[in-house]
Amino acid sequence: MNRTVKIFSFQQFVCILILFISILPIEKAKAQENPLTLPESLKTGFEKGDANSIAGFFRETLSLELQNQNGVFSKTQAEKLLQEFFLKNKVDSFTVLQSGNTGSAENIFAIGELVSGQVHYRVYLVRSKLNNQYLIHSLSITKI
């Protein structure tokens, strides 16, 4: 009887091992983000008006067009300007309308609509690949 228990335990081990090995490629595929879609945490940052979350996707410098501010800013400056924008414009909703590449696999764009009260804004951003990450190097939020 003791031998049966050992064989049964070995069979369980083999079954679990086979299951684990078969699931591993699926989980790995899920972990690899499709760069053409906006990462969920970035999308959520826009939905919540969270400048800090969005700034986590900024390059060290970026081109920013935000109401009356237009230029190239450091990551910190851009985050502060975005934070001021969200303080004045509480986000009611954010929707991604389109995303894709700009003709180069290294540059990916997204177009969205941000609603604050009765005002609608067009959000346009371009992310470029840097150290295997797609970071925002251009962001424009303009009133429609």
Protein backbone atom coordinates (compact mmCIF):
# COMPACT_ATOMS: atom_id res chain seq x y z
CA MET A 1 0.00 0.00 0.00
CA ASN A 2 2.88 2.30 0.71
CA ARG A 3 4.13 1.76 -2.84
CA THR A 4 0.73 2.76 -4.31
CA VAL A 5 0.87 6.06 -2.47
CA LYS A 6 4.32 6.81 -3.91
CA ILE A 7 3.18 6.01 -7.46
CA PHE A 8 0.07 8.12 -7.01
CA SER A 9 2.16 11.04 -5.73
CA PHE A 10 4.52 10.66 -8.68
CA GLN A 11 1.54 10.67 -11.06
CA GLN A 12 0.20 13.82 -9.44
CA PHE A 13 3.60 15.45 -9.79
CA VAL A 14 3.81 14.56 -13.48
CA CYS A 15 0.27 15.85 -14.14
CA ILE A 16 0.99 19.15 -12.40
CA LEU A 17 4.29 19.49 -14.23
CA ILE A 18 2.63 18.91 -17.62
CA LEU A 19 -0.12 21.38 -16.75
CA PHE A 20 2.40 24.01 -15.67
CA ILE A 21 4.51 23.57 -18.80
CA SER A 22 1.45 23.85 -21.04
CA ILE A 23 0.18 27.02 -19.31
CA LEU A 24 3.55 28.80 -19.19
CA PRO A 25 3.58 29.92 -22.88
CA ILE A 26 0.04 31.27 -22.52
CA GLU A 27 0.94 33.34 -19.47
CA LYS A 28 4.11 34.59 -21.16
CA ALA A 29 2.08 35.69 -24.18
CA LYS A 30 -0.34 37.56 -21.92
CA ALA A 31 2.54 39.34 -20.21
CA GLN A 32 3.87 40.69 -23.50
CA GLU A 33 1.94 43.88 -24.09
CA ASN A 34 0.80 44.76 -27.58
CA PRO A 35 2.66 48.04 -28.15
CA LEU A 36 -0.03 49.30 -30.54
CA THR A 37 -2.58 49.50 -27.74
CA LEU A 38 -2.38 52.00 -24.91
CA PRO A 39 -1.21 50.32 -21.69
CA GLU A 40 -4.08 49.98 -19.21
CA SER A 41 -2.27 51.98 -16.52
CA LEU A 42 -1.72 54.87 -18.96
CA LYS A 43 -5.34 54.74 -20.07
CA THR A 44 -6.44 54.70 -16.43
CA GLY A 45 -4.20 57.70 -15.75
CA PHE A 46 -6.13 59.70 -18.35
CA GLU A 47 -9.49 58.40 -17.09
CA LYS A 48 -8.68 59.51 -13.53
CA GLY A 49 -6.82 62.68 -14.45
CA ASP A 50 -3.73 61.33 -12.70
CA ALA A 51 -0.74 63.30 -14.00
CA ASN A 52 1.69 61.20 -11.95
CA SER A 53 0.55 57.94 -13.60
CA ILE A 54 0.77 59.47 -17.05
CA ALA A 55 4.20 60.99 -16.35
CA GLY A 56 5.46 57.49 -15.60
CA PHE A 57 5.30 56.98 -19.37
CA PHE A 58 7.13 60.23 -20.27
CA ARG A 59 10.60 60.35 -21.77
CA GLU A 60 13.07 62.63 -19.97
CA THR A 61 12.03 65.45 -22.33
CA LEU A 62 8.91 65.65 -24.45
CA SER A 63 6.99 67.93 -26.74
CA LEU A 64 3.83 69.13 -24.99
CA GLU A 65 0.88 71.10 -26.30
CA LEU A 66 -1.57 71.85 -23.53
CA GLN A 67 -4.00 74.75 -23.93
CA ASN A 68 -1.73 77.83 -23.89
CA GLN A 69 1.48 75.90 -23.14
CA ASN A 70 3.43 74.66 -26.12
CA GLY A 71 7.05 73.55 -26.22
CA VAL A 72 9.62 71.01 -25.18
CA PHE A 73 9.60 70.34 -21.44
CA SER A 74 11.38 68.11 -18.99
CA LYS A 75 9.46 65.18 -17.58
CA THR A 76 9.00 67.05 -14.27
CA GLN A 77 7.81 70.28 -15.92
CA ALA A 78 5.39 68.40 -18.18
CA GLU A 79 3.96 66.51 -15.21
CA LYS A 80 3.34 69.79 -13.30
CA LEU A 81 1.64 71.36 -16.32
CA LEU A 82 -0.52 68.28 -16.77
CA GLN A 83 -1.37 68.28 -13.07
CA GLU A 84 -2.48 71.93 -13.31
CA PHE A 85 -4.59 71.06 -16.35
CA PHE A 86 -6.35 68.24 -14.48
CA LEU A 87 -6.96 70.46 -11.43
CA LYS A 88 -8.81 72.92 -13.68
CA ASN A 89 -10.45 70.26 -15.87
CA LYS A 90 -11.88 67.34 -13.88
CA VAL A 91 -12.02 64.31 -16.17
CA ASP A 92 -15.47 62.82 -16.68
CA SER A 93 -14.37 60.29 -19.29
CA PHE A 94 -11.55 59.26 -21.57
CA THR A 95 -11.89 57.10 -24.66
CA VAL A 96 -9.19 55.81 -26.98
CA LEU A 97 -10.43 56.37 -30.52
CA GLN A 98 -7.53 55.04 -32.55
CA SER A 99 -3.99 53.75 -32.18
CA GLY A 100 -1.33 52.41 -34.48
CA ASN A 101 2.16 52.99 -35.75
CA THR A 102 3.29 56.16 -37.47
CA GLY A 103 4.85 54.29 -40.36
CA SER A 104 7.75 53.20 -38.21
CA ALA A 105 7.63 50.30 -35.78
CA GLU A 106 9.57 52.48 -33.35
CA ASN A 107 6.85 55.18 -33.09
CA ILE A 108 3.31 54.46 -31.99
CA PHE A 109 0.45 56.94 -31.76
CA ALA A 110 -2.84 57.05 -29.92
CA ILE A 111 -5.76 59.42 -30.38
CA GLY A 112 -8.34 59.80 -27.67
CA GLU A 113 -11.14 62.02 -26.46
CA LEU A 114 -11.16 63.42 -22.96
CA VAL A 115 -14.37 64.95 -21.62
CA SER A 116 -14.43 67.50 -18.80
CA GLY A 117 -17.89 68.88 -18.11
CA GLN A 118 -19.19 70.27 -21.40
CA VAL A 119 -15.71 70.56 -22.91
CA HIS A 120 -14.24 67.88 -25.15
CA TYR A 121 -10.50 67.57 -25.73
CA ARG A 122 -8.57 65.66 -28.36
CA VAL A 123 -5.63 63.77 -26.90
CA TYR A 124 -2.86 62.87 -29.30
CA LEU A 125 0.28 61.16 -28.12
CA VAL A 126 3.26 59.52 -29.74
CA ARG A 127 5.34 56.92 -27.94
CA SER A 128 8.75 55.85 -29.13
CA LYS A 129 10.79 52.83 -28.21
CA LEU A 130 13.59 53.42 -25.72
CA ASN A 131 15.28 50.53 -23.91
CA ASN A 132 12.47 48.11 -24.87
CA GLN A 133 9.80 50.49 -23.51
CA TYR A 134 7.46 52.74 -25.44
CA LEU A 135 7.60 56.16 -23.79
CA ILE A 136 5.70 59.33 -24.66
CA HIS A 137 7.81 61.87 -26.52
CA SER A 138 4.91 63.98 -27.80
CA LEU A 139 1.60 64.81 -26.09
CA SER A 140 -1.09 67.19 -27.26
CA ILE A 141 -4.36 67.93 -25.46
CA THR A 142 -6.45 70.44 -27.43
CA LYS A 143 -10.03 71.61 -27.16
CA ILE A 144 -12.25 70.22 -29.90
